[in-house]
Amino acid sequence: MVEAEPSSAADVQDTASFMQGVKDCIPTLLGYLSIGFAAGVIEMTAGLSLAETALLSLILYAGSAQFIAAGMLASNGSATAIIFTIFFVNLRHLLLSAAVSPYFRHLTPLKNMWIGSLLTDESFGVAMTRAIGRERLSERWMHGLNITAYLNWFAANMAGAYFGRWITNPERLGLDFALPAMFIGLIVLQLVQRKNKKLHINVAIIAVVCVIIASMASLGSMSIIVAAVIAATMGVVMERWK
C-alpha cells in the first residue's frame, strides 16, 4: 500500500533527534566561544568574581545584556537602571519568540516556555533555516540546539573570566567580528534555501536602511526592533502584491 504524500511542503513534520540538534548547533559554536570569551573578560575586568560571572551567564544568558551589565556595574550604575536597560535591549526576543512559536503549537505552554527561555539570536537563525518547508519543528531537536548553545556559552564565559587577566584588548584578536560573521553565514544559508531570493534580499536591504535611519534618529537599541517590524511588514506586503 502506497502512503499518501503530504499535500504540500508545509505539511512536512520534523522528527529530528536531540543529537541532530547538537550537530546543527556546531556552526554557531565559534561565535559563541569568541563572544562568550570576550564577555567573560569584560565581566572579570568589571570586578565580578568567577561565581558572579557564572550566575550572570546562567541566569541572564544574553551577550549584549551581559556586556551592558558589566559596563554599568563598573561605572556604579544602579540596579534599577541596569534592569530597565537590559529589558529594552532584549525586547527583540519578543519578535524572535513570536516567529518561532507557530512551529511549536503542538506543545503545551510550559514546554513552549522552556524552549523560549533558551532561545537566542543564533539558535533562532538555525531554527528558521530548519523550518523551511516544515509545519512543525521537533521538540527534541530544539532542545539539542538550545542546550548545546547554553552550555557552550557558559563554558566560554568561564574561560574568559579565568584567562581574561592576560588579555587586555580582545578586539585585537578579532573576537568582536566573530558574531557578525556568524550571522552573515546564517543569513546566506537561509537565502540559498528560499525560492524567492529577490524578495528576501529586498527585505534585508530594507532592514539595513531602517536600522541606519533609526540609529541616526538616536533610537538606540530600539533601532533593531523598529527595523525588524518595518522590514517584516514590507516583506508581507511585497509577497502579497507580487
C-alpha atoms as a PDB file:
ATOM      1  CA  MET A   1       0.000   0.000   0.000  1.00  0.00           C
ATOM      2  CA  VAL A   2       1.441   3.336  -1.041  1.00  0.00           C
ATOM      3  CA  GLU A   3       1.360   6.099   1.563  1.00  0.00           C
ATOM      4  CA  ALA A   4      -0.239   9.379   0.560  1.00  0.00           C
ATOM      5  CA  GLU A   5       2.231  12.162   0.075  1.00  0.00           C
ATOM      6  CA  PRO A   6       1.861  15.396   2.036  1.00  0.00           C
ATOM      7  CA  SER A   7      -0.474  17.833   0.293  1.00  0.00           C
ATOM      8  CA  SER A   8       2.223  20.487   0.384  1.00  0.00           C
ATOM      9  CA  ALA A   9       5.764  21.098   1.614  1.00  0.00           C
ATOM     10  CA  ALA A  10       4.358  22.923   4.628  1.00  0.00           C
ATOM     11  CA  ASP A  11       2.766  19.662   5.858  1.00  0.00           C
ATOM     12  CA  VAL A  12       6.162  18.047   6.412  1.00  0.00           C
ATOM     13  CA  GLN A  13       6.870  17.341  10.084  1.00  0.00           C
ATOM     14  CA  ASP A  14      10.304  17.482  11.700  1.00  0.00           C
ATOM     15  CA  THR A  15      11.215  14.311  13.604  1.00  0.00           C
ATOM     16  CA  ALA A  16      14.914  15.063  14.106  1.00  0.00           C
ATOM     17  CA  SER A  17      16.624  13.792  17.252  1.00  0.00           C
ATOM     18  CA  PHE A  18      18.292  15.588  20.142  1.00  0.00           C
ATOM     19  CA  MET A  19      21.722  14.691  18.738  1.00  0.00           C
ATOM     20  CA  GLN A  20      20.822  16.187  15.376  1.00  0.00           C
ATOM     21  CA  GLY A  21      20.071  19.434  17.187  1.00  0.00           C
ATOM     22  CA  VAL A  22      23.506  19.226  18.815  1.00  0.00           C
ATOM     23  CA  LYS A  23      25.134  18.729  15.415  1.00  0.00           C
ATOM     24  CA  ASP A  24      23.199  21.594  13.839  1.00  0.00           C
ATOM     25  CA  CYS A  25      24.428  23.897  16.600  1.00  0.00           C
ATOM     26  CA  ILE A  26      28.088  23.275  15.764  1.00  0.00           C
ATOM     27  CA  PRO A  27      28.396  26.004  13.055  1.00  0.00           C
ATOM     28  CA  THR A  28      27.418  28.646  15.652  1.00  0.00           C
ATOM     29  CA  LEU A  29      29.819  27.457  18.351  1.00  0.00           C
ATOM     30  CA  LEU A  30      32.773  29.546  17.177  1.00  0.00           C
ATOM     31  CA  GLY A  31      30.697  32.694  17.515  1.00  0.00           C
ATOM     32  CA  TYR A  32      29.546  31.654  20.974  1.00  0.00           C
ATOM     33  CA  LEU A  33      33.097  30.839  22.058  1.00  0.00           C
ATOM     34  CA  SER A  34      34.591  34.124  20.882  1.00  0.00           C
ATOM     35  CA  ILE A  35      31.821  36.438  22.090  1.00  0.00           C
ATOM     36  CA  GLY A  36      31.318  34.435  25.286  1.00  0.00           C
ATOM     37  CA  PHE A  37      35.041  34.573  25.974  1.00  0.00           C
ATOM     38  CA  ALA A  38      35.056  38.340  25.404  1.00  0.00           C
ATOM     39  CA  ALA A  39      32.048  38.726  27.718  1.00  0.00           C
ATOM     40  CA  GLY A  40      33.891  36.797  30.411  1.00  0.00           C
ATOM     41  CA  VAL A  41      36.906  39.075  30.034  1.00  0.00           C
ATOM     42  CA  ILE A  42      34.748  42.204  30.338  1.00  0.00           C
ATOM     43  CA  GLU A  43      32.934  40.824  33.383  1.00  0.00           C
ATOM     44  CA  MET A  44      36.228  39.998  35.046  1.00  0.00           C
ATOM     45  CA  THR A  45      37.636  43.478  34.389  1.00  0.00           C
ATOM     46  CA  ALA A  46      34.405  44.958  35.795  1.00  0.00           C
ATOM     47  CA  GLY A  47      35.263  43.372  39.127  1.00  0.00           C
ATOM     48  CA  LEU A  48      32.961  40.341  39.082  1.00  0.00           C
ATOM     49  CA  SER A  49      34.176  37.110  40.669  1.00  0.00           C
ATOM     50  CA  LEU A  50      34.085  33.727  38.925  1.00  0.00           C
ATOM     51  CA  ALA A  51      30.938  32.797  40.861  1.00  0.00           C
ATOM     52  CA  GLU A  52      29.212  36.072  39.931  1.00  0.00           C
ATOM     53  CA  THR A  53      30.195  35.642  36.281  1.00  0.00           C
ATOM     54  CA  ALA A  54      28.821  32.099  36.349  1.00  0.00           C
ATOM     55  CA  LEU A  55      25.475  33.267  37.753  1.00  0.00           C
ATOM     56  CA  LEU A  56      25.261  36.119  35.258  1.00  0.00           C
ATOM     57  CA  SER A  57      25.934  33.701  32.401  1.00  0.00           C
ATOM     58  CA  LEU A  58      23.464  31.047  33.566  1.00  0.00           C
ATOM     59  CA  ILE A  59      20.612  33.343  34.608  1.00  0.00           C
ATOM     60  CA  LEU A  60      20.852  36.301  32.215  1.00  0.00           C
ATOM     61  CA  TYR A  61      22.272  34.317  29.263  1.00  0.00           C
ATOM     62  CA  ALA A  62      22.446  37.197  26.782  1.00  0.00           C
ATOM     63  CA  GLY A  63      25.623  38.510  25.211  1.00  0.00           C
ATOM     64  CA  SER A  64      24.657  42.139  24.686  1.00  0.00           C
ATOM     65  CA  ALA A  65      22.934  42.288  28.068  1.00  0.00           C
ATOM     66  CA  GLN A  66      25.968  40.871  29.848  1.00  0.00           C
ATOM     67  CA  PHE A  67      28.274  43.411  28.219  1.00  0.00           C
ATOM     68  CA  ILE A  68      25.900  46.186  29.283  1.00  0.00           C
ATOM     69  CA  ALA A  69      25.542  44.827  32.815  1.00  0.00           C
ATOM     70  CA  ALA A  70      29.311  44.568  33.240  1.00  0.00           C
ATOM     71  CA  GLY A  71      29.853  48.109  31.937  1.00  0.00           C
ATOM     72  CA  MET A  72      27.161  49.614  34.143  1.00  0.00           C
ATOM     73  CA  LEU A  73      28.399  47.721  37.191  1.00  0.00           C
ATOM     74  CA  ALA A  74      31.906  49.024  36.533  1.00  0.00           C
ATOM     75  CA  SER A  75      30.532  52.582  36.397  1.00  0.00           C
ATOM     76  CA  ASN A  76      28.488  52.054  39.591  1.00  0.00           C
ATOM     77  CA  GLY A  77      25.128  52.096  37.810  1.00  0.00           C
ATOM     78  CA  SER A  78      22.026  51.499  39.916  1.00  0.00           C
ATOM     79  CA  ALA A  79      20.223  48.165  39.889  1.00  0.00           C
ATOM     80  CA  THR A  80      17.082  49.834  38.535  1.00  0.00           C
ATOM     81  CA  ALA A  81      18.960  51.414  35.626  1.00  0.00           C
ATOM     82  CA  ILE A  82      20.651  48.114  34.774  1.00  0.00           C
ATOM     83  CA  ILE A  83      17.363  46.179  34.831  1.00  0.00           C
ATOM     84  CA  PHE A  84      15.493  48.654  32.619  1.00  0.00           C
ATOM     85  CA  THR A  85      18.390  48.991  30.163  1.00  0.00           C
ATOM     86  CA  ILE A  86      18.682  45.226  29.736  1.00  0.00           C
ATOM     87  CA  PHE A  87      14.905  44.934  29.366  1.00  0.00           C
ATOM     88  CA  PHE A  88      14.763  47.371  26.451  1.00  0.00           C
ATOM     89  CA  VAL A  89      17.895  45.991  24.779  1.00  0.00           C
ATOM     90  CA  ASN A  90      16.425  42.489  24.762  1.00  0.00           C
ATOM     91  CA  LEU A  91      12.906  43.390  23.615  1.00  0.00           C
ATOM     92  CA  ARG A  92      13.825  41.817  20.287  1.00  0.00           C
ATOM     93  CA  HIS A  93      13.311  38.405  21.909  1.00  0.00           C
ATOM     94  CA  LEU A  94       9.566  39.080  21.741  1.00  0.00           C
ATOM     95  CA  LEU A  95       9.891  39.108  17.951  1.00  0.00           C
ATOM     96  CA  LEU A  96      12.090  36.004  17.918  1.00  0.00           C
ATOM     97  CA  SER A  97       9.669  34.047  20.095  1.00  0.00           C
ATOM     98  CA  ALA A  98       6.676  35.177  18.049  1.00  0.00           C
ATOM     99  CA  ALA A  99       8.354  33.982  14.845  1.00  0.00           C
ATOM    100  CA  VAL A 100       9.278  30.560  16.280  1.00  0.00           C
ATOM    101  CA  SER A 101       6.074  29.832  18.219  1.00  0.00           C
ATOM    102  CA  PRO A 102       3.954  28.675  15.209  1.00  0.00           C
ATOM    103  CA  TYR A 103       6.278  25.696  14.787  1.00  0.00           C
ATOM    104  CA  PHE A 104       5.597  24.525  18.348  1.00  0.00           C
ATOM    105  CA  ARG A 105       1.818  24.908  18.537  1.00  0.00           C
ATOM    106  CA  HIS A 106       1.565  21.174  19.240  1.00  0.00           C
ATOM    107  CA  LEU A 107       3.369  21.608  22.587  1.00  0.00           C
ATOM    108  CA  THR A 108       1.967  22.680  25.950  1.00  0.00           C
ATOM    109  CA  PRO A 109       2.517  26.285  27.169  1.00  0.00           C
ATOM    110  CA  LEU A 110       5.019  25.020  29.758  1.00  0.00           C
ATOM    111  CA  LYS A 111       7.106  23.272  27.098  1.00  0.00           C
ATOM    112  CA  ASN A 112       6.964  26.368  24.917  1.00  0.00           C
ATOM    113  CA  MET A 113       8.209  28.471  27.833  1.00  0.00           C
ATOM    114  CA  TRP A 114      11.143  26.079  28.307  1.00  0.00           C
ATOM    115  CA  ILE A 115      12.088  26.366  24.642  1.00  0.00           C
ATOM    116  CA  GLY A 116      11.665  30.149  24.656  1.00  0.00           C
ATOM    117  CA  SER A 117      13.756  30.619  27.785  1.00  0.00           C
ATOM    118  CA  LEU A 118      16.858  29.329  25.976  1.00  0.00           C
ATOM    119  CA  LEU A 119      16.155  30.900  22.585  1.00  0.00           C
ATOM    120  CA  THR A 120      18.918  33.191  21.335  1.00  0.00           C
ATOM    121  CA  ASP A 121      19.593  35.131  18.141  1.00  0.00           C
ATOM    122  CA  GLU A 122      21.841  32.320  16.931  1.00  0.00           C
ATOM    123  CA  SER A 123      19.533  29.409  17.751  1.00  0.00           C
ATOM    124  CA  PHE A 124      16.679  31.390  16.193  1.00  0.00           C
ATOM    125  CA  GLY A 125      18.662  31.687  12.958  1.00  0.00           C
ATOM    126  CA  VAL A 126      19.375  27.943  12.890  1.00  0.00           C
ATOM    127  CA  ALA A 127      15.741  27.122  13.728  1.00  0.00           C
ATOM    128  CA  MET A 128      14.399  29.331  10.938  1.00  0.00           C
ATOM    129  CA  THR A 129      16.709  27.639   8.458  1.00  0.00           C
ATOM    130  CA  ARG A 130      15.484  24.257   9.700  1.00  0.00           C
ATOM    131  CA  ALA A 131      11.839  25.374   9.494  1.00  0.00           C
ATOM    132  CA  ILE A 132      11.924  25.952   5.731  1.00  0.00           C
ATOM    133  CA  GLY A 133       9.367  23.596   4.182  1.00  0.00           C
ATOM    134  CA  ARG A 134       8.096  22.350   7.537  1.00  0.00           C
ATOM    135  CA  GLU A 135       4.947  22.973   9.527  1.00  0.00           C
ATOM    136  CA  ARG A 136       6.396  21.833  12.853  1.00  0.00           C
ATOM    137  CA  LEU A 137       9.850  21.584  14.407  1.00  0.00           C
ATOM    138  CA  SER A 138      10.970  18.713  16.576  1.00  0.00           C
ATOM    139  CA  GLU A 139      10.944  19.435  20.305  1.00  0.00           C
ATOM    140  CA  ARG A 140      13.909  17.090  20.837  1.00  0.00           C
ATOM    141  CA  TRP A 141      15.867  18.760  18.053  1.00  0.00           C
ATOM    142  CA  MET A 142      15.220  22.221  19.510  1.00  0.00           C
ATOM    143  CA  HIS A 143      16.360  21.102  22.956  1.00  0.00           C
ATOM    144  CA  GLY A 144      19.563  19.714  21.451  1.00  0.00           C
ATOM    145  CA  LEU A 145      20.194  23.030  19.712  1.00  0.00           C
ATOM    146  CA  ASN A 146      19.350  25.223  22.718  1.00  0.00           C
ATOM    147  CA  ILE A 147      21.105  23.216  25.419  1.00  0.00           C
ATOM    148  CA  THR A 148      24.302  22.861  23.375  1.00  0.00           C
ATOM    149  CA  ALA A 149      24.400  26.619  22.827  1.00  0.00           C
ATOM    150  CA  TYR A 150      23.631  27.282  26.506  1.00  0.00           C
ATOM    151  CA  LEU A 151      26.421  25.049  27.834  1.00  0.00           C
ATOM    152  CA  ASN A 152      28.895  26.346  25.257  1.00  0.00           C
ATOM    153  CA  TRP A 153      28.110  29.948  26.209  1.00  0.00           C
ATOM    154  CA  PHE A 154      28.616  29.160  29.892  1.00  0.00           C
ATOM    155  CA  ALA A 155      31.948  27.434  29.215  1.00  0.00           C
ATOM    156  CA  ALA A 156      33.136  30.360  27.073  1.00  0.00           C
ATOM    157  CA  ASN A 157      32.191  32.858  29.798  1.00  0.00           C
ATOM    158  CA  MET A 158      34.087  30.885  32.418  1.00  0.00           C
ATOM    159  CA  ALA A 159      37.143  30.591  30.175  1.00  0.00           C
ATOM    160  CA  GLY A 160      37.092  34.329  29.512  1.00  0.00           C
ATOM    161  CA  ALA A 161      36.731  35.158  33.209  1.00  0.00           C
ATOM    162  CA  TYR A 162      39.603  32.841  34.142  1.00  0.00           C
ATOM    163  CA  PHE A 163      42.078  33.578  31.350  1.00  0.00           C
ATOM    164  CA  GLY A 164      40.978  37.172  30.766  1.00  0.00           C
ATOM    165  CA  ARG A 165      43.560  38.536  33.186  1.00  0.00           C
ATOM    166  CA  TRP A 166      46.161  38.038  30.426  1.00  0.00           C
ATOM    167  CA  ILE A 167      44.043  39.635  27.664  1.00  0.00           C
ATOM    168  CA  THR A 168      43.702  43.400  27.878  1.00  0.00           C
ATOM    169  CA  ASN A 169      42.344  44.061  24.375  1.00  0.00           C
ATOM    170  CA  PRO A 170      40.034  41.314  22.981  1.00  0.00           C
ATOM    171  CA  GLU A 171      39.372  43.314  19.786  1.00  0.00           C
ATOM    172  CA  ARG A 172      42.979  42.807  18.659  1.00  0.00           C
ATOM    173  CA  LEU A 173      42.218  39.093  18.316  1.00  0.00           C
ATOM    174  CA  GLY A 174      39.190  39.748  16.116  1.00  0.00           C
ATOM    175  CA  LEU A 175      36.770  38.429  18.723  1.00  0.00           C
ATOM    176  CA  ASP A 176      34.374  41.305  18.112  1.00  0.00           C
ATOM    177  CA  PHE A 177      33.907  40.294  14.448  1.00  0.00           C
ATOM    178  CA  ALA A 178      33.051  36.630  15.089  1.00  0.00           C
ATOM    179  CA  LEU A 179      29.394  37.300  15.922  1.00  0.00           C
ATOM    180  CA  PRO A 180      28.593  39.401  12.809  1.00  0.00           C
ATOM    181  CA  ALA A 181      30.408  36.828  10.656  1.00  0.00           C
ATOM    182  CA  MET A 182      28.310  34.025  12.124  1.00  0.00           C
ATOM    183  CA  PHE A 183      25.058  35.894  11.411  1.00  0.00           C
ATOM    184  CA  ILE A 184      26.140  36.572   7.831  1.00  0.00           C
ATOM    185  CA  GLY A 185      26.637  32.831   7.421  1.00  0.00           C
ATOM    186  CA  LEU A 186      23.184  32.063   8.831  1.00  0.00           C
ATOM    187  CA  ILE A 187      21.535  34.600   6.518  1.00  0.00           C
ATOM    188  CA  VAL A 188      23.310  33.158   3.477  1.00  0.00           C
ATOM    189  CA  LEU A 189      22.154  29.637   4.402  1.00  0.00           C
ATOM    190  CA  GLN A 190      18.553  30.813   4.624  1.00  0.00           C
ATOM    191  CA  LEU A 191      18.714  32.713   1.326  1.00  0.00           C
ATOM    192  CA  VAL A 192      20.143  29.706  -0.516  1.00  0.00           C
ATOM    193  CA  GLN A 193      17.169  27.556   0.523  1.00  0.00           C
ATOM    194  CA  ARG A 194      14.485  30.150  -0.246  1.00  0.00           C
ATOM    195  CA  LYS A 195      12.647  30.074  -3.566  1.00  0.00           C
ATOM    196  CA  ASN A 196      12.014  33.816  -3.866  1.00  0.00           C
ATOM    197  CA  LYS A 197      15.544  35.070  -3.189  1.00  0.00           C
ATOM    198  CA  LYS A 198      14.864  38.509  -4.689  1.00  0.00           C
ATOM    199  CA  LEU A 199      12.098  39.213  -2.161  1.00  0.00           C
ATOM    200  CA  HIS A 200      14.232  38.229   0.818  1.00  0.00           C
ATOM    201  CA  ILE A 201      17.219  40.231  -0.405  1.00  0.00           C
ATOM    202  CA  ASN A 202      14.970  43.280  -0.754  1.00  0.00           C
ATOM    203  CA  VAL A 203      13.652  42.771   2.782  1.00  0.00           C
ATOM    204  CA  ALA A 204      17.225  42.518   4.082  1.00  0.00           C
ATOM    205  CA  ILE A 205      18.151  45.770   2.333  1.00  0.00           C
ATOM    206  CA  ILE A 206      15.074  47.498   3.786  1.00  0.00           C
ATOM    207  CA  ALA A 207      16.043  46.278   7.263  1.00  0.00           C
ATOM    208  CA  VAL A 208      19.590  47.644   6.911  1.00  0.00           C
ATOM    209  CA  VAL A 209      18.331  51.028   5.696  1.00  0.00           C
ATOM    210  CA  CYS A 210      15.802  51.206   8.542  1.00  0.00           C
ATOM    211  CA  VAL A 211      18.486  50.396  11.135  1.00  0.00           C
ATOM    212  CA  ILE A 212      20.726  53.168   9.779  1.00  0.00           C
ATOM    213  CA  ILE A 213      17.900  55.717   9.768  1.00  0.00           C
ATOM    214  CA  ALA A 214      16.690  54.689  13.235  1.00  0.00           C
ATOM    215  CA  SER A 215      20.245  54.888  14.592  1.00  0.00           C
ATOM    216  CA  MET A 216      20.653  58.372  13.144  1.00  0.00           C
ATOM    217  CA  ALA A 217      17.398  59.266  14.902  1.00  0.00           C
ATOM    218  CA  SER A 218      19.050  58.225  18.194  1.00  0.00           C
ATOM    219  CA  LEU A 219      16.651  55.370  18.893  1.00  0.00           C
ATOM    220  CA  GLY A 220      19.468  53.277  20.344  1.00  0.00           C
ATOM    221  CA  SER A 221      18.645  49.594  20.939  1.00  0.00           C
ATOM    222  CA  MET A 222      15.086  50.194  19.659  1.00  0.00           C
ATOM    223  CA  SER A 223      16.569  50.568  16.163  1.00  0.00           C
ATOM    224  CA  ILE A 224      16.682  46.795  15.707  1.00  0.00           C
ATOM    225  CA  ILE A 225      13.048  46.324  16.723  1.00  0.00           C
ATOM    226  CA  VAL A 226      11.833  49.197  14.549  1.00  0.00           C
ATOM    227  CA  ALA A 227      13.784  47.895  11.547  1.00  0.00           C
ATOM    228  CA  ALA A 228      12.547  44.322  12.062  1.00  0.00           C
ATOM    229  CA  VAL A 229       8.885  45.393  12.260  1.00  0.00           C
ATOM    230  CA  ILE A 230       9.079  47.679   9.210  1.00  0.00           C
ATOM    231  CA  ALA A 231      11.066  45.198   7.082  1.00  0.00           C
ATOM    232  CA  ALA A 232       8.785  42.280   8.011  1.00  0.00           C
ATOM    233  CA  THR A 233       5.680  44.339   7.208  1.00  0.00           C
ATOM    234  CA  MET A 234       7.119  45.410   3.860  1.00  0.00           C
ATOM    235  CA  GLY A 235       8.024  41.797   3.119  1.00  0.00           C
ATOM    236  CA  VAL A 236       4.452  40.640   3.694  1.00  0.00           C
ATOM    237  CA  VAL A 237       3.078  43.462   1.531  1.00  0.00           C
ATOM    238  CA  MET A 238       5.510  42.732  -1.326  1.00  0.00           C
ATOM    239  CA  GLU A 239       4.812  38.985  -1.173  1.00  0.00           C
ATOM    240  CA  ARG A 240       1.041  39.512  -1.445  1.00  0.00           C
ATOM    241  CA  TRP A 241       1.313  42.059  -4.218  1.00  0.00           C
ATOM    242  CA  LYS A 242       3.740  40.157  -6.412  1.00  0.00           C
END
